[in-house]
Protein backbone atom coordinates (compact mmCIF):
# COMPACT_ATOMS: atom_id res chain seq x y z
CA MET A 1 45.09 11.94 0.77
CA VAL A 2 42.18 14.29 0.00
CA ILE A 3 39.69 14.43 2.87
CA THR A 4 36.15 14.79 1.51
CA ASN A 5 32.56 13.67 1.94
CA VAL A 6 32.57 12.03 -1.52
CA VAL A 7 32.43 8.22 -1.73
CA LYS A 8 33.51 6.98 -5.16
CA LYS A 9 31.68 4.40 -7.24
CA GLU A 10 33.81 1.34 -6.47
CA GLN A 11 33.43 1.70 -2.71
CA LEU A 12 29.78 2.74 -3.05
CA ARG A 13 28.98 -0.46 -4.98
CA LYS A 14 30.81 -2.57 -2.39
CA VAL A 15 28.84 -1.12 0.54
CA GLN A 16 25.51 -1.18 -1.34
CA LEU A 17 25.98 -4.85 -2.12
CA GLU A 18 27.11 -5.79 1.39
CA THR A 19 24.12 -3.96 2.90
CA LEU A 20 21.62 -5.54 0.51
CA LYS A 21 23.03 -8.97 1.36
CA PHE A 22 22.83 -8.27 5.10
CA LEU A 23 19.20 -7.15 4.80
CA SER A 24 18.35 -10.15 2.63
CA ASP A 25 19.94 -12.55 5.12
CA SER A 26 18.15 -10.84 8.03
CA VAL A 27 14.67 -11.46 6.61
CA LYS A 28 15.49 -14.89 5.17
CA ASN A 29 14.97 -16.45 8.62
CA SER A 30 11.29 -15.44 8.51
CA TYR A 31 10.66 -16.65 4.96
CA GLY A 32 7.87 -19.10 4.21
CA PRO A 33 5.61 -21.27 6.38
CA ILE A 34 8.53 -22.82 8.27
CA GLY A 35 10.22 -19.48 8.82
CA SER A 36 10.55 -18.29 12.41
CA ASN A 37 9.54 -15.15 14.29
CA THR A 38 11.98 -12.35 14.95
CA GLU A 39 11.72 -10.67 18.35
CA ILE A 40 11.99 -6.88 18.17
CA PHE A 41 12.86 -5.36 21.53
CA ARG A 42 11.19 -2.02 22.25
CA PRO A 43 12.31 -0.45 25.53
CA ASP A 44 9.20 1.71 25.95
CA SER A 45 6.55 -0.87 24.98
CA LEU A 46 5.83 -4.58 24.70
CA ASN A 47 8.17 -6.87 22.79
CA LYS A 48 7.11 -7.55 19.20
CA TYR A 49 7.26 -11.06 17.75
CA THR A 50 6.82 -11.07 14.00
CA LYS A 51 7.54 -12.81 10.69
CA ASP A 52 6.73 -9.61 8.82
CA GLY A 53 9.74 -8.69 6.70
CA HIS A 54 8.94 -4.98 6.61
CA SER A 55 8.77 -4.72 10.41
CA ILE A 56 12.11 -6.53 10.69
CA LEU A 57 13.81 -4.35 8.07
CA GLU A 58 12.76 -1.01 9.53
CA SER A 59 13.91 -2.10 13.02
CA ILE A 60 17.50 -2.85 11.90
CA GLN A 61 20.01 -0.10 12.68
CA PHE A 62 23.22 0.84 10.87
CA LYS A 63 25.97 3.35 11.67
CA GLY A 64 27.08 4.22 8.14
CA GLU A 65 25.16 6.64 5.92
CA ILE A 66 25.35 4.46 2.79
CA GLU A 67 24.03 1.51 4.79
CA ARG A 68 21.21 3.62 6.21
CA SER A 69 20.43 4.94 2.73
CA VAL A 70 20.14 1.42 1.30
CA GLN A 71 17.98 0.34 4.23
CA ARG A 72 15.70 3.35 3.70
CA ASP A 73 15.32 2.47 0.01
CA ILE A 74 14.47 -1.16 0.76
CA THR A 75 12.01 -0.31 3.53
CA ASP A 76 10.36 2.16 1.14
CA ILE A 77 9.71 -0.54 -1.46
CA THR A 78 8.57 -3.06 1.16
CA ARG A 79 6.19 -0.42 2.57
CA HIS A 80 4.76 -0.05 -0.93
CA VAL A 81 4.39 -3.83 -1.26
CA VAL A 82 2.67 -4.09 2.14
CA LYS A 83 0.33 -1.23 1.29
CA THR A 84 -0.56 -2.73 -2.10
CA VAL A 85 -0.75 -6.50 -1.64
CA GLY A 86 0.00 -7.16 2.04
CA ASP A 87 2.67 -9.80 1.61
CA GLY A 88 5.99 -10.22 -0.19
CA THR A 89 8.39 -7.94 1.68
CA THR A 90 10.88 -10.76 2.25
CA SER A 91 10.75 -11.72 -1.42
CA ALA A 92 11.34 -8.10 -2.42
CA SER A 93 14.44 -7.80 -0.21
CA MET A 94 15.97 -11.03 -1.49
CA LEU A 95 15.23 -10.28 -5.14
CA ALA A 96 16.74 -6.79 -4.79
CA TYR A 97 20.05 -8.25 -3.60
CA ASP A 98 20.28 -10.95 -6.29
CA ILE A 99 19.31 -8.66 -9.17
CA PHE A 100 21.59 -5.82 -8.04
CA SER A 101 24.50 -8.23 -7.68
CA SER A 102 23.92 -9.59 -11.21
CA LEU A 103 23.68 -6.08 -12.69
CA ILE A 104 27.13 -5.29 -11.28
CA ASP A 105 28.52 -8.42 -12.99
CA ILE A 106 26.85 -7.46 -16.29
CA GLU A 107 28.37 -3.98 -16.10
CA LYS A 108 31.82 -5.43 -15.49
CA GLY A 109 31.44 -7.45 -18.70
CA GLY A 110 31.55 -4.19 -20.64
CA LYS A 111 28.79 -5.13 -23.09
CA TYR A 112 26.40 -2.42 -21.88
CA THR A 113 26.58 0.94 -20.15
CA SER A 114 24.80 1.33 -16.82
CA TYR A 115 21.91 3.18 -18.45
CA GLU A 116 21.57 0.53 -21.17
CA ILE A 117 21.45 -2.11 -18.46
CA ILE A 118 18.65 -0.30 -16.62
CA ALA A 119 16.68 0.29 -19.84
CA LEU A 120 16.91 -3.42 -20.56
CA LEU A 121 15.91 -4.29 -16.99
CA LYS A 122 12.81 -2.08 -17.18
CA LYS A 123 11.75 -3.51 -20.54
CA THR A 124 12.21 -7.07 -19.32
CA VAL A 125 10.31 -6.45 -16.08
CA ALA A 126 7.44 -4.88 -18.05
CA ASP A 127 7.27 -8.00 -20.27
CA ILE A 128 7.34 -10.34 -17.27
CA ASN A 129 4.61 -8.39 -15.48
CA LYS A 130 2.42 -8.44 -18.58
CA GLU A 131 2.81 -12.23 -18.67
CA ILE A 132 2.04 -12.53 -14.95
CA LEU A 133 -1.18 -10.49 -15.19
CA SER A 134 -2.38 -12.45 -18.23
CA ASN A 135 -2.82 -15.48 -15.97
CA ALA A 136 -5.33 -13.91 -13.54
CA LYS A 137 -8.20 -16.10 -12.34
CA GLU A 138 -11.55 -15.07 -10.87
CA PHE A 139 -11.67 -14.37 -7.12
CA THR A 140 -14.18 -16.37 -5.03
CA SER A 141 -14.82 -16.93 -1.34
CA GLN A 142 -12.83 -20.17 -1.68
CA SER A 143 -9.94 -18.11 -3.03
CA ALA A 144 -10.21 -15.97 0.12
CA TYR A 145 -9.90 -19.13 2.22
CA ASP A 146 -6.88 -20.40 0.28
CA ILE A 147 -5.09 -17.03 0.27
CA THR A 148 -5.70 -16.55 4.00
CA TYR A 149 -4.65 -20.11 4.84
CA ILE A 150 -1.28 -19.51 3.16
CA SER A 151 -0.83 -15.97 4.58
CA THR A 152 -1.52 -17.10 8.16
CA ASN A 153 0.64 -20.25 7.97
CA GLY A 154 -2.30 -22.65 8.05
CA ASN A 155 -4.64 -20.95 10.53
CA GLU A 156 -7.97 -22.60 9.62
CA GLU A 157 -10.04 -20.47 12.01
CA ILE A 158 -8.98 -17.21 10.36
CA ALA A 159 -9.24 -18.72 6.85
CA ASN A 160 -12.81 -19.89 7.57
CA THR A 161 -13.70 -16.47 8.98
CA MET A 162 -12.44 -14.75 5.83
CA LYS A 163 -14.39 -17.19 3.64
CA MET A 164 -17.53 -16.50 5.69
CA ILE A 165 -17.12 -12.73 5.29
CA TYR A 166 -16.77 -12.97 1.51
CA ASP A 167 -19.63 -15.51 1.29
CA LYS A 168 -21.93 -13.16 3.20
CA PHE A 169 -20.94 -9.73 1.86
CA GLY A 170 -19.46 -10.40 -1.58
CA LYS A 171 -16.05 -9.66 -3.03
CA ASP A 172 -16.37 -5.86 -2.72
CA VAL A 173 -16.59 -5.94 1.08
CA PHE A 174 -13.99 -3.75 2.82
CA ILE A 175 -12.33 -5.52 5.77
CA ASP A 176 -10.45 -3.58 8.42
CA VAL A 177 -8.29 -5.20 11.11
CA ALA A 178 -8.05 -4.03 14.71
CA ILE A 179 -7.31 -5.42 18.19
CA SER A 180 -10.09 -6.89 20.35
CA ASN A 181 -10.35 -5.95 24.03
CA THR A 182 -11.06 -9.59 24.88
CA PRO A 183 -9.29 -12.92 24.27
CA ASP A 184 -11.89 -13.69 21.57
CA SER A 185 -11.84 -12.47 17.99
CA MET A 186 -15.05 -10.92 16.67
CA ILE A 187 -16.61 -9.32 13.61
CA LYS A 188 -18.38 -5.93 13.46
CA VAL A 189 -20.35 -4.78 10.41
CA TYR A 190 -20.84 -1.14 9.37
CA ASP A 191 -22.68 0.66 6.63
CA GLY A 192 -20.46 2.95 4.62
CA MET A 193 -18.00 3.40 1.79
CA THR A 194 -14.26 3.16 1.32
CA LEU A 195 -11.79 5.36 -0.54
CA PRO A 196 -8.62 3.52 -1.64
CA LYS A 197 -6.40 6.35 -0.33
CA GLY A 198 -5.19 6.87 3.22
CA TYR A 199 -3.77 9.82 5.14
CA CYS A 200 -1.04 11.72 3.30
CA ASP A 201 1.30 11.85 6.32
CA SER A 202 1.67 9.94 9.58
CA VAL A 203 1.36 13.22 11.53
CA TYR A 204 -2.42 12.79 11.28
CA ILE A 205 -2.44 9.53 13.28
CA ASN A 206 -4.38 9.93 16.53
CA ASP A 207 -4.76 6.22 17.37
CA ALA A 208 -1.23 4.90 17.81
CA LYS A 209 -2.33 1.36 18.62
CA ASN A 210 -4.10 0.91 15.29
CA GLY A 211 -2.01 3.40 13.29
CA THR A 212 -5.11 5.30 12.20
CA CYS A 213 -6.65 8.74 12.19
CA THR A 214 -10.18 8.37 13.58
CA LEU A 215 -12.62 11.29 13.58
CA ARG A 216 -16.22 11.27 14.86
CA ASN A 217 -18.84 13.35 13.01
CA PRO A 218 -16.27 15.35 11.01
CA LYS A 219 -16.90 18.10 8.49
CA ILE A 220 -15.79 16.67 5.13
CA TYR A 221 -14.54 18.93 2.30
CA THR A 222 -13.83 17.64 -1.22
CA PHE A 223 -11.75 19.66 -3.69
CA GLU A 224 -12.46 18.55 -7.26
CA ASP A 225 -9.36 20.31 -8.60
CA PRO A 226 -5.77 20.61 -7.32
CA ILE A 227 -5.07 23.21 -4.65
CA ASP A 228 -2.58 25.22 -6.69
CA THR A 229 -4.03 28.71 -7.22
CA PRO A 230 -4.30 31.66 -4.83
CA GLU A 231 -8.07 31.22 -4.59
CA MET A 232 -7.86 27.48 -3.86
CA PHE A 233 -5.13 28.16 -1.27
CA SER A 234 -7.38 30.72 0.41
CA PHE A 235 -10.24 28.20 0.65
CA PHE A 236 -7.91 25.50 1.99
CA ASN A 237 -6.26 27.80 4.53
CA THR A 238 -9.59 29.26 5.69
CA ILE A 239 -11.03 25.81 6.43
CA ILE A 240 -8.03 24.86 8.57
CA ASP A 241 -7.62 28.26 10.22
CA LYS A 242 -11.27 28.52 11.31
CA ASN A 243 -11.95 24.84 12.10
CA ILE A 244 -8.62 23.99 13.74
CA PHE A 245 -6.13 26.80 14.47
CA ALA A 246 -8.75 29.22 15.82
CA ALA A 247 -9.56 26.84 18.69
CA TYR A 248 -5.92 26.94 19.85
CA SER A 249 -5.53 30.72 19.90
CA GLN A 250 -4.82 32.29 23.28
CA ASP A 251 -8.32 33.58 24.10
CA SER A 252 -10.37 30.95 22.29
CA LYS A 253 -13.34 29.37 24.06
CA THR A 254 -14.37 27.15 21.17
CA ALA A 255 -13.45 23.51 20.50
CA PRO A 256 -11.77 22.48 17.25
CA VAL A 257 -14.07 21.12 14.55
CA PRO A 258 -13.18 17.60 13.33
CA THR A 259 -12.19 18.20 9.70
CA VAL A 260 -11.45 15.97 6.70
CA ILE A 261 -10.06 17.53 3.50
CA ILE A 262 -9.75 15.48 0.30
CA ALA A 263 -7.88 16.89 -2.70
CA PRO A 264 -6.25 15.61 -5.90
CA HIS A 265 -3.02 17.48 -5.16
CA ILE A 266 -1.62 20.31 -3.06
CA SER A 267 1.00 22.45 -4.77
CA ARG A 268 4.45 22.91 -3.27
CA ASP A 269 3.64 26.64 -3.16
CA SER A 270 1.77 25.87 0.08
CA ILE A 271 4.75 24.11 1.65
CA SER A 272 5.29 26.74 4.37
CA TYR A 273 1.65 26.48 5.47
CA MET A 274 1.80 22.67 5.40
CA ASP A 275 5.02 22.73 7.43
CA GLN A 276 3.29 24.97 9.97
CA LEU A 277 0.39 22.50 10.21
CA ASN A 278 2.64 19.43 10.42
CA ASN A 279 4.88 21.00 13.07
CA PHE A 280 1.82 21.93 15.09
CA LEU A 281 0.47 18.36 14.92
CA CYS A 282 3.86 16.90 15.87
CA ARG A 283 3.60 18.53 19.29
CA PHE A 284 0.84 16.11 20.23
CA THR A 285 2.64 12.87 21.02
CA GLY A 286 2.66 10.40 23.89
CA ASP A 287 0.22 11.44 26.60
CA LEU A 288 -0.93 14.38 24.43
CA LEU A 289 -1.98 12.15 21.52
CA ALA A 290 -5.59 11.97 22.75
CA SER A 291 -5.88 15.76 22.47
CA LYS A 292 -4.35 16.00 18.98
CA PRO A 293 -6.25 18.45 16.72
CA PRO A 294 -8.93 16.46 14.84
CA ILE A 295 -7.82 16.91 11.24
CA LEU A 296 -7.20 14.52 8.35
CA LEU A 297 -5.76 15.40 4.95
CA ILE A 298 -6.03 12.98 2.00
CA THR A 299 -4.22 13.87 -1.23
CA ASN A 300 -3.58 12.16 -4.60
CA ALA A 301 -7.30 11.43 -4.65
CA ASP A 302 -7.78 12.09 -8.36
CA HIS A 303 -9.25 9.74 -10.97
CA LEU A 304 -10.87 7.64 -8.24
CA ASP A 305 -14.19 6.08 -9.19
CA GLN A 306 -15.50 6.10 -5.65
CA LEU A 307 -14.68 9.72 -4.72
CA SER A 308 -17.63 11.42 -6.43
CA ASP A 309 -20.01 8.86 -4.94
CA ILE A 310 -18.55 9.29 -1.45
CA ALA A 311 -18.87 13.06 -1.78
CA LYS A 312 -22.53 12.68 -2.79
CA MET A 313 -23.33 10.25 0.03
CA CYS A 314 -21.63 12.49 2.62
CA GLY A 315 -23.47 15.56 1.26
CA CYS A 316 -20.32 17.45 0.24
CA LYS A 317 -20.56 20.38 -2.16
CA ALA A 318 -17.80 20.40 -4.77
CA ILE A 319 -14.99 22.96 -4.39
CA LYS A 320 -13.57 23.60 -7.85
CA LYS A 321 -11.82 26.11 -10.08
CA TYR A 322 -13.54 28.47 -12.48
CA ILE A 323 -12.15 29.84 -15.74
CA ASN A 324 -15.15 32.11 -16.41
CA PRO A 325 -15.55 34.71 -13.60
CA ASP A 326 -19.14 35.50 -14.67
CA MET A 327 -20.12 31.85 -14.35
CA GLN A 328 -18.42 31.68 -10.95
CA LYS A 329 -20.33 34.76 -9.76
CA LYS A 330 -23.65 33.21 -10.83
CA ASP A 331 -22.81 29.93 -9.07
CA ILE A 332 -21.81 31.79 -5.89
CA GLU A 333 -25.16 33.61 -5.92
CA ALA A 334 -26.95 30.29 -6.47
CA GLY A 335 -25.01 28.62 -3.64
CA LEU A 336 -23.21 26.25 -6.02
CA ALA A 337 -19.74 27.74 -5.53
CA PRO A 338 -18.08 29.02 -2.36
CA ASP A 339 -16.49 32.31 -1.43
CA LEU A 340 -14.46 32.98 1.72
CA ASN A 341 -17.66 33.71 3.67
CA THR A 342 -19.41 30.47 2.72
CA ILE A 343 -16.56 27.97 2.27
CA LEU A 344 -17.16 26.36 5.70
CA ASP A 345 -20.71 25.45 4.60
CA PHE A 346 -19.44 23.41 1.62
CA CYS A 347 -19.01 20.31 3.73
CA GLY A 348 -20.63 16.95 4.22
CA THR A 349 -20.40 14.57 7.14
CA ALA A 350 -20.46 10.95 8.30
CA ASP A 351 -20.77 9.27 11.69
CA GLU A 352 -17.09 8.38 11.58
CA VAL A 353 -14.10 8.58 9.26
CA VAL A 354 -11.18 6.19 9.82
CA SER A 355 -8.00 6.44 7.73
CA ASP A 356 -4.84 4.34 7.64
CA LEU A 357 -1.86 4.16 5.30
CA SER A 358 -3.81 2.64 2.40
CA ALA A 359 -7.53 3.46 2.70
CA THR A 360 -10.18 5.65 4.35
CA LYS A 361 -13.61 4.41 5.41
CA PHE A 362 -16.66 6.63 5.79
CA VAL A 363 -19.11 5.10 8.27
CA ASN A 364 -22.80 5.98 7.79
CA PRO A 365 -22.41 8.91 5.38
CA LYS A 366 -25.05 11.60 5.94
CA MET A 367 -27.15 10.92 2.82
CA MET A 368 -26.96 7.11 2.78
CA ASN A 369 -29.57 6.10 5.36
CA ASN A 370 -32.83 7.29 6.90
CA GLU A 371 -33.10 7.80 10.66
CA ASP A 372 -34.50 4.25 11.06
CA GLY A 373 -31.43 2.78 9.33
CA THR A 374 -33.15 1.99 6.01
CA ARG A 375 -31.62 3.17 2.74
CA SER A 376 -32.57 6.73 1.81
CA THR A 377 -34.48 7.73 -1.31
CA PHE A 378 -31.38 9.68 -2.38
CA PHE A 379 -29.23 6.56 -2.12
CA LYS A 380 -31.71 4.39 -4.04
CA ALA A 381 -32.05 6.99 -6.81
CA HIS A 382 -28.26 7.20 -7.22
CA ILE A 383 -27.95 3.41 -7.43
CA GLU A 384 -30.74 3.27 -10.01
CA PHE A 385 -29.01 5.97 -12.08
CA LEU A 386 -25.67 4.11 -12.09
CA GLU A 387 -27.37 0.80 -12.92
CA SER A 388 -29.18 2.40 -15.87
CA GLU A 389 -25.86 3.88 -17.07
CA LEU A 390 -24.28 0.42 -16.79
CA ALA A 391 -27.12 -1.13 -18.81
CA LYS A 392 -26.65 1.51 -21.54
CA ALA A 393 -22.89 0.97 -21.60
CA GLN A 394 -23.32 -2.80 -21.97
CA GLU A 395 -25.97 -2.36 -24.66
CA ASN A 396 -23.69 -0.01 -26.62
CA SER A 397 -20.68 -2.33 -26.17
CA GLU A 398 -18.62 0.34 -24.42
CA ASP A 399 -15.02 -0.55 -23.65
CA ALA A 400 -14.11 -2.62 -20.60
CA HIS A 401 -12.82 0.41 -18.67
CA VAL A 402 -16.16 2.24 -18.81
CA ILE A 403 -18.15 -0.85 -17.84
CA GLY A 404 -15.66 -1.82 -15.13
CA THR A 405 -15.75 1.69 -13.62
CA LEU A 406 -19.55 1.65 -13.36
CA LYS A 407 -19.53 -1.84 -11.83
CA ARG A 408 -16.97 -0.78 -9.23
CA ARG A 409 -18.99 2.30 -8.29
CA ILE A 410 -22.17 0.25 -7.86
CA ASN A 411 -20.43 -2.46 -5.87
CA SER A 412 -18.69 0.12 -3.67
CA LEU A 413 -22.05 1.72 -2.84
CA LYS A 414 -23.68 -1.61 -2.04
CA ALA A 415 -20.77 -3.12 -0.13
CA ASN A 416 -20.56 -3.40 3.62
CA MET A 417 -17.54 -2.62 5.79
CA VAL A 418 -16.41 -5.29 8.23
CA GLU A 419 -14.09 -4.80 11.18
CA TYR A 420 -12.18 -7.94 12.13
CA LEU A 421 -11.14 -7.60 15.79
CA ILE A 422 -8.23 -9.88 16.69
CA GLY A 423 -8.31 -11.50 20.14
CA GLY A 424 -5.56 -13.20 22.14
CA ILE A 425 -4.34 -13.92 25.65
CA SER A 426 -1.75 -11.12 25.60
CA MET A 427 -1.01 -7.99 23.60
CA SER A 428 2.10 -9.61 22.08
CA ASP A 429 -0.03 -12.57 20.99
CA ARG A 430 -2.64 -10.27 19.41
CA ASP A 431 -0.04 -8.12 17.67
CA SER A 432 1.67 -11.15 16.13
CA LEU A 433 -1.63 -12.57 14.88
CA ARG A 434 -2.77 -9.19 13.65
CA ASP A 435 0.28 -8.89 11.37
CA LEU A 436 -0.69 -12.17 9.67
CA VAL A 437 -4.36 -11.23 9.33
CA GLU A 438 -3.53 -7.80 7.89
CA ASP A 439 -1.36 -9.45 5.23
CA ALA A 440 -4.21 -11.83 4.35
CA VAL A 441 -6.81 -9.03 4.24
CA LEU A 442 -4.73 -6.82 1.94
CA ASN A 443 -3.92 -9.75 -0.34
CA CYS A 444 -7.59 -10.77 -0.56
CA ARG A 445 -8.59 -7.17 -1.23
CA SER A 446 -6.10 -6.97 -4.10
CA ALA A 447 -7.13 -10.41 -5.43
CA ALA A 448 -10.83 -9.44 -5.37
CA ARG A 449 -10.02 -6.34 -7.43
CA ASN A 450 -7.39 -7.74 -9.82
CA GLY A 451 -7.73 -11.53 -9.87
CA VAL A 452 -5.98 -14.53 -8.33
CA GLY A 453 -2.61 -16.08 -9.11
CA PHE A 454 -0.19 -18.63 -7.65
CA GLY A 455 1.70 -17.64 -4.52
CA ALA A 456 5.17 -18.32 -3.09
CA SER A 457 6.80 -16.42 -6.02
CA THR A 458 5.65 -19.20 -8.36
CA GLN A 459 3.74 -16.88 -10.71
CA GLY A 460 6.75 -14.63 -11.21
CA TYR A 461 9.06 -17.59 -11.75
CA LEU A 462 6.73 -19.23 -14.29
CA ALA A 463 6.26 -15.99 -16.24
CA THR A 464 10.03 -15.38 -16.39
CA LEU A 465 10.72 -18.98 -17.39
CA LYS A 466 8.14 -18.82 -20.21
CA LEU A 467 9.62 -15.60 -21.62
CA TYR A 468 13.14 -17.00 -21.30
CA ASN A 469 12.18 -20.08 -23.35
CA ASP A 470 10.31 -17.90 -25.89
CA LYS A 471 13.21 -15.47 -26.38
CA LEU A 472 16.24 -17.75 -26.50
CA LYS A 473 17.33 -16.20 -29.80
CA GLU A 474 16.98 -12.59 -28.61
CA SER A 475 20.34 -12.20 -26.90
CA ASP A 476 19.83 -8.80 -25.25
CA GLU A 477 16.63 -9.62 -23.39
CA VAL A 478 17.83 -13.16 -22.66
CA ASP A 479 20.74 -11.65 -20.73
CA MET A 480 18.30 -9.86 -18.42
CA LEU A 481 15.81 -12.75 -18.31
CA THR A 482 18.69 -14.98 -17.21
CA THR A 483 19.43 -12.53 -14.38
CA ILE A 484 15.82 -12.39 -13.14
CA LEU A 485 15.26 -16.13 -13.63
CA SER A 486 18.36 -16.84 -11.54
CA ALA A 487 17.06 -14.48 -8.82
CA TYR A 488 13.70 -16.31 -8.73
CA LYS A 489 15.45 -19.69 -8.55
CA ASN A 490 17.54 -18.45 -5.61
CA LEU A 491 14.37 -17.15 -3.97
CA LEU A 492 12.57 -20.48 -4.35
CA SER A 493 15.66 -22.37 -3.24
CA SER A 494 15.80 -20.26 -0.05
CA LEU A 495 12.14 -21.10 0.62
CA TYR A 496 12.55 -24.86 0.21
CA SER A 497 16.00 -25.08 1.82
CA THR A 498 14.33 -24.54 5.21
CA LYS A 499 13.29 -28.21 4.90
CA PHE A 500 15.15 -29.88 2.02
CA ASN A 501 18.74 -30.28 0.83
CA THR A 502 20.12 -28.56 -2.28
CA THR A 503 19.46 -31.50 -4.63
CA LYS A 504 15.83 -31.76 -3.53
CA CYS A 505 15.38 -27.98 -3.90
CA ASP A 506 16.63 -28.14 -7.50
CA GLU A 507 14.23 -31.02 -8.22
CA ILE A 508 11.29 -29.04 -6.81
CA ILE A 509 12.13 -25.93 -8.85
CA ASN A 510 12.35 -28.02 -12.03
CA LEU A 511 9.04 -29.68 -11.15
CA ILE A 512 7.34 -26.29 -10.76
CA GLY A 513 8.69 -25.22 -14.14
CA GLU A 514 7.52 -28.41 -15.88
CA HIS A 515 4.01 -28.62 -14.39
CA GLY A 516 3.27 -24.95 -13.73
CA ILE A 517 1.96 -25.61 -10.20
CA PRO A 518 3.36 -24.45 -6.82
CA TYR A 519 4.92 -26.96 -4.43
CA ASN A 520 3.63 -27.18 -0.85
CA ILE A 521 6.58 -27.30 1.53
CA LYS A 522 4.45 -28.76 4.34
CA SER A 523 2.60 -31.53 2.48
CA GLU A 524 5.54 -32.07 0.10
CA LYS A 525 3.16 -32.17 -2.87
CA GLU A 526 2.21 -29.99 -5.82
CA ASP A 527 -0.61 -27.75 -4.63
CA ASP A 528 -2.77 -25.42 -6.75
CA LYS A 529 -4.31 -24.02 -3.55
CA ILE A 530 -1.21 -21.91 -2.86
CA LEU A 531 -2.76 -18.65 -3.99
CA CYS A 532 -2.35 -14.89 -3.68
CA SER A 533 -3.34 -11.78 -5.60
CA ILE A 534 -2.18 -11.94 -9.20
CA THR A 535 -0.55 -8.56 -8.66
CA THR A 536 1.65 -9.78 -5.79
CA ASP A 537 4.65 -10.86 -7.87
CA SER A 538 4.22 -8.04 -10.39
CA THR A 539 4.07 -5.43 -7.60
CA ILE A 540 7.18 -6.89 -5.95
CA LEU A 541 9.15 -7.07 -9.21
CA GLU A 542 8.15 -3.56 -10.30
CA ALA A 543 9.11 -2.10 -6.91
CA VAL A 544 12.47 -3.91 -6.94
CA CYS A 545 13.12 -2.72 -10.51
CA GLN A 546 12.49 0.91 -9.57
CA ILE A 547 14.71 1.00 -6.50
CA VAL A 548 17.52 -1.07 -8.03
CA SER A 549 17.49 1.24 -11.07
CA ILE A 550 17.94 4.33 -8.89
CA MET A 551 20.72 2.74 -6.83
CA PHE A 552 22.55 1.32 -9.84
CA THR A 553 22.67 4.56 -11.85
CA CYS A 554 24.42 6.42 -8.99
CA ASN A 555 28.17 6.56 -9.49
CA GLN A 556 29.07 8.33 -6.25
CA PHE A 557 27.64 9.10 -2.81
CA LEU A 558 27.89 12.33 -0.84
CA CYS A 559 27.87 11.90 2.93
CA SER A 560 26.10 14.56 4.98
CA ASN A 561 29.48 15.80 6.21
CA ILE A 562 33.16 14.84 6.15
CA ASN A 563 33.05 13.22 9.59
CA GLU A 564 30.41 10.73 8.36
CA ASN A 565 32.66 9.51 5.55
CA LYS A 566 34.09 6.42 7.21
CA TYR A 567 34.58 4.93 3.74
CA LEU A 568 37.69 7.01 2.92
CA ILE A 569 39.97 4.40 4.48
CA SER A 570 38.96 1.84 1.86
CA GLN A 571 39.03 4.17 -1.16
């Protein structure tokens, strides 16, 4: 027998499928309002009790490399789902197993090649998601209550608090979740703005408890263009070298300068410098975390409506590329463009910048308020300008994208930021409750931006069922719609089987399909108050489609070395 690190397709499929089923079964126990907590033992910290599917998945350990690879793929998609809509990680895991299993059966039938199967899957998922999004309803403070009530398994106190926040501050309010130092939960309100992009790497976290990078009075630099030319690299490197690295040189007597850098993209040509920075930051763990260098890097911040407004409110000067050297020279002389001697002065500031995985908030940007806390003339003038532009766009019947962009910019400037501090009698109690509240907050945030739909996978099921009935004569797409429809039925059956027998589950699923309304497992009635962001099911299905496609089109697996290939015995 040939000894190698290569695992052939047949054995690869077998292990992929077994691992997906194991992961699906592991999160199934936490599914739905009657699902139970999983206790995650952590030897160096408090036990964690959670129903959060993502937390459960990333805490499972496997010995085999294929198993670990599958787990990594699934935790990646659930991380994306959490970051985008807050809830649905369990649904994603279960759908991934059912759809992948069905694709294997379709391939065995010999009607399609693996690439034809994936092309058909992607087309079908795109059609389903289009149907899902067409059913979006307007978000209101009552929607916030209903979404939160479902996300927190019927916690009326939290649902009422969320409704109050949206009643008071409007649907563009940015809500952050943290832990209270007391048994009581409380609300704090801040002036500021929010960028829908978080830190680009977890190495920047300096608050392990909240998983954030928090900087007080930082210097904020905004690059309008990608950092991908020698000149842009020199600006980027100079900022970090002088503000951060210089303070850690052997004879330095200066403190590091808290620094935030925002850029659309950083080229891979700077990878050695970025590795040097990341390796340096990785030294500051455990007891050294409090002394971590105060730096935050935010990338992929292009085409964001809010970024130019945040830069203006913080007082940042734009750092951009020039094609015309004469124009650049004139702008340098006028103080409108930097050189290596002035680049450090092209910064703005805010009282505080706090960044997590999905967003960054800028508290009290420099130009937003006067010393007495009233809005500055600069702020008022900028609002008036945007409102006049909006009026012109509406008068000229501009397209929805232009009008929507201006509305979002205005609302973002006017919106408050609210910190929801979660109380409890113990840290374990607070952590468990915080997981639920974070899910609700992210789902409400997405619903406020994109619209409201039915929860509990109902919207995805109804969209798939409608397309299936509409396309009965189109055999190719019906094959794939049958696969996805079956996966949704299995998903709903798993939800209701926590309380009902198989016959009753089938009756409920048929009832949902006939009436187009979710079924409440607790009240045992149809319930149009079971709500979530309209993008929840589409985000889940799109993420599952992407990862299943990648896994399915692999026809062999290469272990890291021969000794890790435990699969040879079965080949």
